N, C-alpha and C. Protein backbone atom coordinates (compact mmCIF):
# COMPACT_ATOMS: atom_id res chain seq x y z
N MET A 1 0.83 -1.18 0.00
CA MET A 1 0.00 0.00 0.00
C MET A 1 0.88 1.25 0.00
N LYS A 2 0.47 2.26 -0.72
CA LYS A 2 1.22 3.52 -0.81
C LYS A 2 1.11 4.31 0.49
N GLN A 3 2.07 5.21 0.66
CA GLN A 3 2.06 6.09 1.82
C GLN A 3 2.06 7.54 1.37
N ILE A 4 1.34 8.36 2.13
CA ILE A 4 1.39 9.80 1.95
C ILE A 4 2.21 10.33 3.11
N THR A 5 3.35 10.94 2.82
CA THR A 5 4.23 11.44 3.87
C THR A 5 3.90 12.90 4.15
N LEU A 6 3.78 13.23 5.43
CA LEU A 6 3.47 14.59 5.86
C LEU A 6 4.61 15.08 6.75
N ALA A 7 5.23 16.19 6.36
CA ALA A 7 6.39 16.68 7.09
C ALA A 7 6.26 18.17 7.38
N LEU A 8 6.85 18.58 8.50
CA LEU A 8 6.86 19.97 8.94
C LEU A 8 8.26 20.55 8.85
N ARG A 9 8.31 21.86 8.69
CA ARG A 9 9.61 22.55 8.77
C ARG A 9 9.37 23.89 9.46
N LEU A 10 10.05 24.10 10.58
CA LEU A 10 9.98 25.38 11.28
C LEU A 10 10.87 26.38 10.57
N ASN A 11 10.44 27.64 10.55
CA ASN A 11 11.28 28.70 10.01
C ASN A 11 11.21 29.91 10.93
N THR A 12 11.78 31.02 10.52
CA THR A 12 11.90 32.17 11.41
C THR A 12 10.57 32.87 11.69
N ARG A 13 9.57 32.69 10.86
CA ARG A 13 8.29 33.38 11.05
C ARG A 13 7.12 32.42 11.23
N GLY A 14 7.36 31.15 11.37
CA GLY A 14 6.27 30.19 11.53
C GLY A 14 6.72 28.81 11.08
N PHE A 15 5.90 28.18 10.26
CA PHE A 15 6.24 26.84 9.79
C PHE A 15 5.54 26.57 8.48
N ASP A 16 6.03 25.57 7.79
CA ASP A 16 5.35 25.12 6.58
C ASP A 16 5.32 23.61 6.60
N PHE A 17 4.37 23.09 5.85
CA PHE A 17 4.30 21.64 5.73
C PHE A 17 3.98 21.27 4.30
N LYS A 18 4.42 20.09 3.96
CA LYS A 18 4.23 19.61 2.60
C LYS A 18 3.67 18.20 2.68
N ILE A 19 2.71 17.94 1.84
CA ILE A 19 2.16 16.60 1.71
C ILE A 19 2.88 15.99 0.53
N PHE A 20 3.81 15.08 0.79
CA PHE A 20 4.59 14.48 -0.29
C PHE A 20 3.65 13.78 -1.25
N ASN A 21 4.06 13.61 -2.43
CA ASN A 21 3.25 13.10 -3.55
C ASN A 21 2.39 14.22 -4.12
N GLN A 22 2.47 15.41 -3.55
CA GLN A 22 1.77 16.57 -4.09
C GLN A 22 2.78 17.70 -4.23
N THR A 23 2.47 18.67 -5.07
CA THR A 23 3.42 19.76 -5.29
C THR A 23 3.17 20.94 -4.37
N ASN A 24 2.01 20.99 -3.71
CA ASN A 24 1.68 22.15 -2.87
C ASN A 24 2.43 22.13 -1.54
N LYS A 25 2.90 23.31 -1.14
CA LYS A 25 3.49 23.51 0.18
C LYS A 25 2.60 24.54 0.87
N TYR A 26 2.28 24.29 2.12
CA TYR A 26 1.40 25.17 2.88
C TYR A 26 2.21 25.89 3.93
N LYS A 27 2.02 27.22 4.04
CA LYS A 27 2.81 28.03 4.97
C LYS A 27 1.89 28.69 6.00
N ILE A 28 2.35 28.67 7.24
CA ILE A 28 1.69 29.38 8.32
C ILE A 28 2.70 30.41 8.81
N VAL A 29 2.31 31.69 8.74
CA VAL A 29 3.24 32.77 9.08
C VAL A 29 2.67 33.59 10.24
N TYR A 30 3.50 33.81 11.24
CA TYR A 30 3.15 34.63 12.40
C TYR A 30 4.01 35.88 12.38
N PRO A 31 3.60 36.92 13.11
CA PRO A 31 4.49 38.07 13.25
C PRO A 31 5.82 37.60 13.85
N GLY A 32 6.93 38.04 13.27
CA GLY A 32 8.26 37.55 13.65
C GLY A 32 8.57 37.67 15.13
N LYS A 33 8.21 38.79 15.74
CA LYS A 33 8.52 39.02 17.15
C LYS A 33 7.78 38.00 18.03
N ILE A 34 6.53 37.72 17.69
CA ILE A 34 5.74 36.77 18.48
C ILE A 34 6.30 35.36 18.32
N TRP A 35 6.57 34.95 17.07
CA TRP A 35 7.05 33.59 16.84
C TRP A 35 8.42 33.37 17.48
N SER A 36 9.30 34.34 17.39
CA SER A 36 10.64 34.16 17.95
C SER A 36 10.62 34.12 19.48
N SER A 37 9.62 34.74 20.11
CA SER A 37 9.56 34.72 21.58
C SER A 37 8.81 33.50 22.11
N PHE A 38 8.22 32.71 21.23
CA PHE A 38 7.46 31.52 21.62
C PHE A 38 8.45 30.40 21.95
N PRO A 39 8.31 29.72 23.10
CA PRO A 39 9.26 28.65 23.47
C PRO A 39 9.30 27.53 22.43
N SER A 40 10.49 26.99 22.19
CA SER A 40 10.64 25.97 21.13
C SER A 40 9.83 24.71 21.42
N ALA A 41 9.70 24.30 22.68
CA ALA A 41 8.88 23.11 22.99
C ALA A 41 7.41 23.37 22.64
N SER A 42 6.96 24.60 22.86
CA SER A 42 5.57 24.95 22.51
C SER A 42 5.37 25.02 21.01
N LYS A 43 6.39 25.50 20.28
CA LYS A 43 6.31 25.52 18.81
C LYS A 43 6.15 24.10 18.28
N LYS A 44 6.94 23.19 18.86
CA LYS A 44 6.88 21.78 18.44
C LYS A 44 5.47 21.22 18.68
N MET A 45 4.94 21.48 19.87
CA MET A 45 3.61 20.97 20.21
C MET A 45 2.54 21.58 19.29
N LEU A 46 2.61 22.88 19.07
CA LEU A 46 1.64 23.56 18.21
C LEU A 46 1.67 23.00 16.79
N THR A 47 2.86 22.88 16.23
CA THR A 47 2.97 22.45 14.83
C THR A 47 2.54 21.00 14.64
N GLU A 48 2.90 20.12 15.57
CA GLU A 48 2.48 18.71 15.45
C GLU A 48 0.97 18.57 15.51
N ASN A 49 0.35 19.31 16.44
CA ASN A 49 -1.11 19.24 16.57
C ASN A 49 -1.81 19.89 15.39
N PHE A 50 -1.28 21.00 14.90
CA PHE A 50 -1.87 21.67 13.74
C PHE A 50 -1.85 20.76 12.51
N LEU A 51 -0.68 20.17 12.25
CA LEU A 51 -0.55 19.30 11.08
C LEU A 51 -1.54 18.14 11.16
N TYR A 52 -1.62 17.51 12.32
CA TYR A 52 -2.52 16.37 12.47
C TYR A 52 -3.99 16.79 12.30
N ALA A 53 -4.37 17.89 12.94
CA ALA A 53 -5.76 18.35 12.87
C ALA A 53 -6.18 18.70 11.44
N ARG A 54 -5.27 19.28 10.68
CA ARG A 54 -5.60 19.71 9.32
C ARG A 54 -5.52 18.60 8.28
N THR A 55 -4.80 17.54 8.59
CA THR A 55 -4.61 16.51 7.56
C THR A 55 -5.25 15.16 7.89
N ARG A 56 -5.67 14.95 9.13
CA ARG A 56 -6.27 13.66 9.51
C ARG A 56 -7.48 13.30 8.64
N PRO A 57 -8.33 14.27 8.25
CA PRO A 57 -9.47 13.91 7.38
C PRO A 57 -9.07 13.32 6.03
N LEU A 58 -7.80 13.46 5.63
CA LEU A 58 -7.35 12.85 4.37
C LEU A 58 -7.57 11.34 4.37
N SER A 59 -7.58 10.75 5.55
CA SER A 59 -7.76 9.30 5.63
C SER A 59 -9.15 8.87 5.17
N LEU A 60 -10.08 9.81 5.10
CA LEU A 60 -11.43 9.49 4.63
C LEU A 60 -11.52 9.47 3.11
N THR A 61 -10.58 10.13 2.45
CA THR A 61 -10.63 10.23 1.00
C THR A 61 -9.52 9.47 0.29
N SER A 62 -8.58 8.94 1.06
CA SER A 62 -7.45 8.25 0.47
C SER A 62 -7.38 6.82 0.99
N LYS A 63 -6.92 5.93 0.13
CA LYS A 63 -6.70 4.55 0.56
C LYS A 63 -5.28 4.35 1.06
N ASN A 64 -4.49 5.40 0.98
CA ASN A 64 -3.08 5.33 1.36
C ASN A 64 -2.89 5.53 2.86
N THR A 65 -1.77 5.06 3.37
CA THR A 65 -1.38 5.28 4.75
C THR A 65 -0.84 6.70 4.91
N LEU A 66 -1.24 7.38 5.99
CA LEU A 66 -0.70 8.70 6.30
C LEU A 66 0.51 8.51 7.21
N LYS A 67 1.67 8.91 6.74
CA LYS A 67 2.91 8.74 7.51
C LYS A 67 3.42 10.12 7.93
N TYR A 68 3.23 10.43 9.21
CA TYR A 68 3.65 11.72 9.76
C TYR A 68 5.12 11.65 10.16
N GLN A 69 5.88 12.65 9.75
CA GLN A 69 7.30 12.74 10.12
C GLN A 69 7.42 13.50 11.45
N THR A 70 6.50 13.23 12.37
CA THR A 70 6.45 13.89 13.67
C THR A 70 6.15 12.85 14.74
N ALA A 71 6.18 13.30 15.98
CA ALA A 71 5.71 12.46 17.08
C ALA A 71 4.19 12.48 17.10
N LYS A 72 3.59 11.55 17.82
CA LYS A 72 2.13 11.52 17.97
C LYS A 72 1.70 12.82 18.66
N PRO A 73 0.75 13.56 18.08
CA PRO A 73 0.37 14.85 18.67
C PRO A 73 -0.34 14.69 20.02
N PHE A 74 -0.12 15.66 20.87
CA PHE A 74 -0.70 15.66 22.21
C PHE A 74 -2.24 15.64 22.15
N LEU A 75 -2.83 16.33 21.17
CA LEU A 75 -4.28 16.44 21.06
C LEU A 75 -4.90 15.43 20.08
N LYS A 76 -4.19 14.35 19.81
CA LYS A 76 -4.66 13.35 18.83
C LYS A 76 -6.07 12.86 19.14
N ASN A 77 -6.32 12.46 20.38
CA ASN A 77 -7.64 11.93 20.73
C ASN A 77 -8.73 12.98 20.59
N MET A 78 -8.43 14.23 20.95
CA MET A 78 -9.42 15.30 20.82
C MET A 78 -9.74 15.57 19.35
N VAL A 79 -8.72 15.59 18.51
CA VAL A 79 -8.93 15.80 17.07
C VAL A 79 -9.78 14.67 16.49
N ASN A 80 -9.45 13.44 16.85
CA ASN A 80 -10.23 12.29 16.37
C ASN A 80 -11.68 12.38 16.81
N TRP A 81 -11.90 12.78 18.07
CA TRP A 81 -13.27 12.92 18.58
C TRP A 81 -14.03 13.98 17.78
N GLY A 82 -13.39 15.11 17.51
CA GLY A 82 -14.04 16.18 16.75
C GLY A 82 -14.44 15.73 15.35
N ILE A 83 -13.54 15.02 14.69
CA ILE A 83 -13.85 14.53 13.34
C ILE A 83 -15.00 13.53 13.40
N LYS A 84 -14.93 12.62 14.37
CA LYS A 84 -15.96 11.59 14.52
C LYS A 84 -17.34 12.19 14.75
N THR A 85 -17.42 13.25 15.53
CA THR A 85 -18.72 13.86 15.81
C THR A 85 -19.27 14.62 14.61
N ASP A 86 -18.43 15.01 13.67
CA ASP A 86 -18.88 15.70 12.47
C ASP A 86 -19.31 14.74 11.35
N LEU A 87 -18.98 13.47 11.47
CA LEU A 87 -19.24 12.52 10.39
C LEU A 87 -20.72 12.39 10.02
N PRO A 88 -21.67 12.31 10.98
CA PRO A 88 -23.08 12.19 10.58
C PRO A 88 -23.55 13.36 9.72
N LEU A 89 -23.09 14.56 10.03
CA LEU A 89 -23.47 15.73 9.25
C LEU A 89 -22.88 15.66 7.84
N LEU A 90 -21.63 15.21 7.73
CA LEU A 90 -21.01 15.05 6.41
C LEU A 90 -21.76 14.02 5.58
N GLU A 91 -22.17 12.92 6.21
CA GLU A 91 -22.95 11.89 5.51
C GLU A 91 -24.26 12.47 5.01
N LEU A 92 -24.93 13.25 5.86
CA LEU A 92 -26.22 13.84 5.49
C LEU A 92 -26.07 14.81 4.32
N TYR A 93 -25.11 15.73 4.42
CA TYR A 93 -24.93 16.74 3.37
C TYR A 93 -24.47 16.15 2.04
N ASN A 94 -23.78 15.02 2.10
CA ASN A 94 -23.26 14.41 0.87
C ASN A 94 -24.08 13.21 0.41
N ASN A 95 -25.28 13.03 1.00
CA ASN A 95 -26.17 11.92 0.65
C ASN A 95 -25.47 10.57 0.67
N LEU A 96 -24.69 10.35 1.73
CA LEU A 96 -24.00 9.08 1.89
C LEU A 96 -24.80 8.20 2.84
N PRO A 97 -24.66 6.89 2.71
CA PRO A 97 -25.36 6.00 3.65
C PRO A 97 -24.90 6.27 5.08
N ALA A 98 -25.84 6.21 6.02
CA ALA A 98 -25.53 6.45 7.43
C ALA A 98 -24.44 5.49 7.89
N ARG A 99 -23.51 6.02 8.68
CA ARG A 99 -22.40 5.28 9.29
C ARG A 99 -21.35 4.81 8.29
N SER A 100 -21.47 5.20 7.02
CA SER A 100 -20.44 4.78 6.05
C SER A 100 -19.10 5.43 6.36
N LEU A 101 -19.11 6.71 6.74
CA LEU A 101 -17.86 7.39 7.08
C LEU A 101 -17.31 6.91 8.42
N HIS A 102 -18.21 6.53 9.35
CA HIS A 102 -17.76 6.00 10.64
C HIS A 102 -16.92 4.75 10.44
N LYS A 103 -17.39 3.87 9.58
CA LYS A 103 -16.64 2.63 9.32
C LYS A 103 -15.29 2.94 8.69
N LYS A 104 -15.31 3.87 7.72
CA LYS A 104 -14.07 4.24 7.05
C LYS A 104 -13.10 4.90 8.03
N PHE A 105 -13.62 5.76 8.90
CA PHE A 105 -12.78 6.46 9.87
C PHE A 105 -12.18 5.48 10.86
N ALA A 106 -12.99 4.55 11.36
CA ALA A 106 -12.51 3.56 12.33
C ALA A 106 -11.43 2.67 11.72
N SER A 107 -11.63 2.26 10.48
CA SER A 107 -10.63 1.39 9.85
C SER A 107 -9.37 2.16 9.46
N SER A 108 -9.47 3.47 9.34
CA SER A 108 -8.30 4.25 8.92
C SER A 108 -7.29 4.45 10.05
N ASN A 109 -7.68 4.17 11.30
CA ASN A 109 -6.74 4.33 12.43
C ASN A 109 -5.49 3.48 12.24
N SER A 110 -5.65 2.35 11.61
CA SER A 110 -4.49 1.48 11.38
C SER A 110 -3.60 2.00 10.26
N LYS A 111 -4.07 3.01 9.54
CA LYS A 111 -3.29 3.58 8.42
C LYS A 111 -2.65 4.92 8.78
N ILE A 112 -2.46 5.17 10.09
CA ILE A 112 -1.83 6.39 10.56
C ILE A 112 -0.52 6.00 11.26
N LEU A 113 0.59 6.52 10.77
CA LEU A 113 1.90 6.22 11.36
C LEU A 113 2.58 7.51 11.80
N PHE A 114 3.30 7.43 12.92
CA PHE A 114 4.11 8.54 13.41
C PHE A 114 5.55 8.06 13.49
N CYS A 115 6.46 8.75 12.83
CA CYS A 115 7.86 8.31 12.74
C CYS A 115 8.66 8.60 13.99
N ASN A 116 8.41 9.72 14.64
CA ASN A 116 9.17 10.07 15.84
C ASN A 116 8.42 9.60 17.07
N LYS A 117 9.15 9.14 18.06
CA LYS A 117 8.52 8.67 19.30
C LYS A 117 8.26 9.86 20.21
N ASN A 118 7.12 9.82 20.91
CA ASN A 118 6.83 10.84 21.92
C ASN A 118 7.71 10.63 23.13
N ASN A 119 8.13 11.71 23.72
CA ASN A 119 8.82 11.63 24.99
C ASN A 119 7.78 12.00 26.04
N ASP A 120 7.15 10.98 26.66
CA ASP A 120 6.06 11.24 27.59
C ASP A 120 6.46 12.15 28.73
N GLY A 121 7.68 12.00 29.22
CA GLY A 121 8.15 12.87 30.29
C GLY A 121 8.17 14.32 29.86
N GLU A 122 8.61 14.56 28.62
CA GLU A 122 8.64 15.92 28.10
C GLU A 122 7.24 16.48 27.97
N THR A 123 6.30 15.65 27.49
CA THR A 123 4.92 16.09 27.33
C THR A 123 4.32 16.47 28.68
N LEU A 124 4.55 15.62 29.70
CA LEU A 124 4.01 15.91 31.02
C LEU A 124 4.65 17.15 31.63
N SER A 125 5.95 17.31 31.44
CA SER A 125 6.61 18.48 32.02
C SER A 125 6.13 19.75 31.33
N ARG A 126 5.87 19.67 30.02
CA ARG A 126 5.35 20.85 29.32
C ARG A 126 3.97 21.21 29.88
N GLN A 127 3.16 20.20 30.14
CA GLN A 127 1.82 20.44 30.64
C GLN A 127 1.87 21.05 32.05
N ASN A 128 2.77 20.57 32.90
CA ASN A 128 2.86 21.06 34.26
C ASN A 128 3.45 22.45 34.34
N LYS A 129 4.19 22.88 33.34
CA LYS A 129 4.81 24.19 33.35
C LYS A 129 3.94 25.24 32.67
N LEU A 130 2.68 24.93 32.43
CA LEU A 130 1.80 25.81 31.68
C LEU A 130 1.76 27.22 32.26
N ASN A 131 1.68 27.35 33.57
CA ASN A 131 1.55 28.67 34.16
C ASN A 131 2.85 29.47 34.16
N SER A 132 4.00 28.81 33.99
CA SER A 132 5.26 29.53 33.99
C SER A 132 5.69 29.93 32.58
N GLN A 133 5.02 29.41 31.56
CA GLN A 133 5.38 29.75 30.18
C GLN A 133 4.36 30.73 29.60
N LYS A 134 4.76 31.39 28.54
CA LYS A 134 3.86 32.29 27.85
C LYS A 134 3.12 31.51 26.77
N ILE A 135 1.82 31.72 26.67
CA ILE A 135 0.96 31.03 25.72
C ILE A 135 0.61 32.00 24.59
N LEU A 136 0.57 31.50 23.36
CA LEU A 136 0.15 32.30 22.22
C LEU A 136 -1.29 31.92 21.90
N LEU A 137 -2.21 32.86 22.02
CA LEU A 137 -3.63 32.61 21.77
C LEU A 137 -4.05 33.33 20.49
N ALA A 138 -4.45 32.54 19.49
CA ALA A 138 -4.97 33.12 18.26
C ALA A 138 -6.39 33.59 18.54
N LEU A 139 -6.66 34.85 18.29
CA LEU A 139 -7.93 35.46 18.64
C LEU A 139 -8.67 35.86 17.38
N SER A 140 -9.86 35.30 17.17
CA SER A 140 -10.68 35.67 16.02
C SER A 140 -11.82 36.58 16.45
N PHE A 141 -12.00 36.75 17.75
CA PHE A 141 -13.07 37.50 18.37
C PHE A 141 -14.42 36.79 18.26
N GLY A 142 -14.37 35.48 17.93
CA GLY A 142 -15.56 34.65 17.97
C GLY A 142 -15.75 34.12 19.38
N LYS A 143 -16.83 33.38 19.59
CA LYS A 143 -17.15 32.87 20.93
C LYS A 143 -16.06 31.98 21.49
N ASP A 144 -15.53 31.08 20.67
CA ASP A 144 -14.51 30.14 21.14
C ASP A 144 -13.24 30.84 21.60
N SER A 145 -12.76 31.78 20.79
CA SER A 145 -11.50 32.43 21.17
C SER A 145 -11.71 33.38 22.35
N LEU A 146 -12.87 34.00 22.45
CA LEU A 146 -13.13 34.86 23.60
C LEU A 146 -13.24 34.04 24.88
N LEU A 147 -13.84 32.86 24.78
CA LEU A 147 -13.91 31.97 25.94
C LEU A 147 -12.51 31.52 26.35
N SER A 148 -11.68 31.15 25.37
CA SER A 148 -10.30 30.75 25.66
C SER A 148 -9.55 31.89 26.34
N TYR A 149 -9.74 33.10 25.85
CA TYR A 149 -9.11 34.29 26.44
C TYR A 149 -9.54 34.45 27.91
N ALA A 150 -10.85 34.32 28.16
CA ALA A 150 -11.37 34.48 29.52
C ALA A 150 -10.83 33.39 30.45
N LEU A 151 -10.73 32.15 29.94
CA LEU A 151 -10.21 31.05 30.76
C LEU A 151 -8.73 31.27 31.11
N LEU A 152 -7.93 31.68 30.13
CA LEU A 152 -6.52 31.94 30.39
C LEU A 152 -6.35 33.05 31.44
N LYS A 153 -7.18 34.08 31.29
CA LYS A 153 -7.11 35.20 32.23
C LYS A 153 -7.50 34.73 33.64
N GLU A 154 -8.58 33.94 33.72
CA GLU A 154 -9.05 33.44 35.01
C GLU A 154 -8.04 32.50 35.67
N LEU A 155 -7.36 31.69 34.86
CA LEU A 155 -6.37 30.75 35.39
C LEU A 155 -5.04 31.42 35.73
N GLY A 156 -4.88 32.68 35.31
CA GLY A 156 -3.65 33.40 35.59
C GLY A 156 -2.49 32.99 34.70
N VAL A 157 -2.81 32.47 33.52
CA VAL A 157 -1.77 32.03 32.59
C VAL A 157 -1.20 33.25 31.86
N ASN A 158 0.11 33.28 31.70
CA ASN A 158 0.80 34.34 30.98
C ASN A 158 0.58 34.12 29.49
N TYR A 159 0.04 35.09 28.76
CA TYR A 159 -0.32 34.89 27.36
C TYR A 159 0.00 36.11 26.50
N ASN A 160 0.10 35.85 25.21
CA ASN A 160 0.15 36.88 24.16
C ASN A 160 -1.03 36.64 23.26
N LEU A 161 -1.67 37.69 22.81
CA LEU A 161 -2.78 37.55 21.87
C LEU A 161 -2.24 37.73 20.45
N CYS A 162 -2.81 36.99 19.53
CA CYS A 162 -2.38 37.07 18.13
C CYS A 162 -3.60 37.06 17.25
N TYR A 163 -3.64 37.97 16.29
CA TYR A 163 -4.72 38.01 15.31
C TYR A 163 -4.09 37.94 13.92
N CYS A 164 -4.52 36.99 13.10
CA CYS A 164 -3.94 36.82 11.77
C CYS A 164 -4.99 37.07 10.71
N GLN A 165 -4.58 37.62 9.60
CA GLN A 165 -5.50 37.82 8.48
C GLN A 165 -5.12 36.89 7.36
């Protein structure tokens, strides 16, 4: 079976990723001052989770294995749950038989590979140091981002706000 390789590359203003077997490269750019002040462990966590969240649905349209050149993302289970809860609506809008995407999604778990091993100790230490590090919060001024802002403020977490166009 063929593999689709997904790789990240950090740069001075953000990161880019490329889905091998395709010619497109996707770039995420932040203001330079904000990105350079963001801790490198947090950049790693952000980019791994972003890549997984944006590309995991490819498993519904491809018969190929998705091979990530990253560690397993910290939010993997949450991303999978979000996709799973959206499947009935996708089936309805696309006139697909009920539960057809559920079966495809469940069977696709075996077609997801991560090349780098997670360092569980590092993940736990990053989580425990949340209040001592600065967090970058993307703010769209929608309900979700305003709630996140209020929660960070209430928890006393040190944060920077970021708005991208």
